Amino acid sequence: MAKKEKQPYHIVTFTFPEESLSYQAFSKLKKYHAEGLVGFEQLVVIKREDNGAFSFEDAVQLTPTNKSTKGA
């Protein structure tokens, strides 16, 4: 079997003036993925704290990570 060539990953970021807007976008993107309108592997909400540190607030894995289920 031929080895599958790795596809490059693309990272897209958005910034929002209000925290609630980031969660609204997160929910809509999950919905659009479920409807087949867009394709994502993961979605993450990351918050930048006042001291400059980042914290992961929410995340979802949208594609299987187990290679035995890939393409199923």
Protein backbone atom coordinates (compact mmCIF):
# COMPACT_ATOMS: atom_id res chain seq x y z
CA MET A 1 0.00 0.00 0.00
CA ALA A 2 1.34 3.44 -0.95
CA LYS A 3 2.10 5.79 1.89
CA LYS A 4 -0.38 8.65 2.03
CA GLU A 5 1.27 12.04 1.65
CA LYS A 6 0.71 14.34 4.61
CA GLN A 7 -1.47 17.32 3.91
CA PRO A 8 -0.37 20.69 5.28
CA TYR A 9 -2.28 22.09 8.23
CA HIS A 10 -3.74 25.55 8.14
CA ILE A 11 -4.46 27.55 11.26
CA VAL A 12 -7.07 30.30 11.20
CA THR A 13 -7.47 32.71 14.09
CA PHE A 14 -10.18 35.17 14.97
CA THR A 15 -10.26 37.84 17.66
CA PHE A 16 -13.41 39.17 19.26
CA PRO A 17 -14.06 42.29 21.32
CA GLU A 18 -16.29 40.31 23.71
CA GLU A 19 -15.76 36.83 25.10
CA SER A 20 -19.36 35.82 24.40
CA LEU A 21 -18.87 36.44 20.68
CA SER A 22 -16.05 33.90 20.56
CA TYR A 23 -18.38 31.23 21.96
CA GLN A 24 -21.11 32.17 19.49
CA ALA A 25 -18.65 31.75 16.62
CA PHE A 26 -17.34 28.48 18.12
CA SER A 27 -20.90 27.09 18.25
CA LYS A 28 -21.74 28.21 14.71
CA LEU A 29 -18.53 26.73 13.29
CA LYS A 30 -19.29 23.38 14.98
CA LYS A 31 -22.80 23.50 13.48
CA TYR A 32 -21.51 24.34 10.00
CA HIS A 33 -19.03 21.47 10.24
CA ALA A 34 -21.80 19.05 11.27
CA GLU A 35 -23.87 20.21 8.28
CA GLY A 36 -20.94 19.62 5.92
CA LEU A 37 -20.64 23.29 4.99
CA VAL A 38 -17.04 23.57 6.19
CA GLY A 39 -14.38 21.10 7.24
CA PHE A 40 -12.31 21.35 10.40
CA GLU A 41 -10.22 18.91 12.37
CA GLN A 42 -10.28 20.87 15.61
CA LEU A 43 -11.78 24.05 17.01
CA VAL A 44 -10.35 25.78 20.06
CA VAL A 45 -11.23 28.86 22.10
CA ILE A 46 -8.08 30.39 23.55
CA LYS A 47 -8.19 33.33 25.93
CA ARG A 48 -5.34 35.77 26.42
CA GLU A 49 -5.06 36.78 30.05
CA ASP A 50 -4.17 40.28 31.24
CA ASN A 51 -0.63 39.08 32.02
CA GLY A 52 -0.19 37.86 28.41
CA ALA A 53 -0.58 34.16 29.19
CA PHE A 54 -2.91 32.00 27.09
CA SER A 55 -5.50 29.59 28.47
CA PHE A 56 -7.48 26.99 26.55
CA GLU A 57 -11.12 27.66 27.38
CA ASP A 58 -12.89 25.14 25.12
CA ALA A 59 -11.96 22.68 22.40
CA VAL A 60 -13.50 20.00 20.21
CA GLN A 61 -11.94 17.26 18.06
CA LEU A 62 -14.10 17.02 14.92
CA THR A 63 -12.30 14.25 13.06
CA PRO A 64 -11.38 10.78 14.29
CA THR A 65 -7.92 10.48 15.79
CA ASN A 66 -7.84 6.69 15.68
CA LYS A 67 -6.31 5.66 12.36
CA SER A 68 -8.45 2.50 12.27
CA THR A 69 -11.61 4.64 12.01
CA LYS A 70 -10.24 7.18 9.54
CA GLY A 71 -12.32 7.25 6.38
CA ALA A 72 -15.03 5.12 7.92
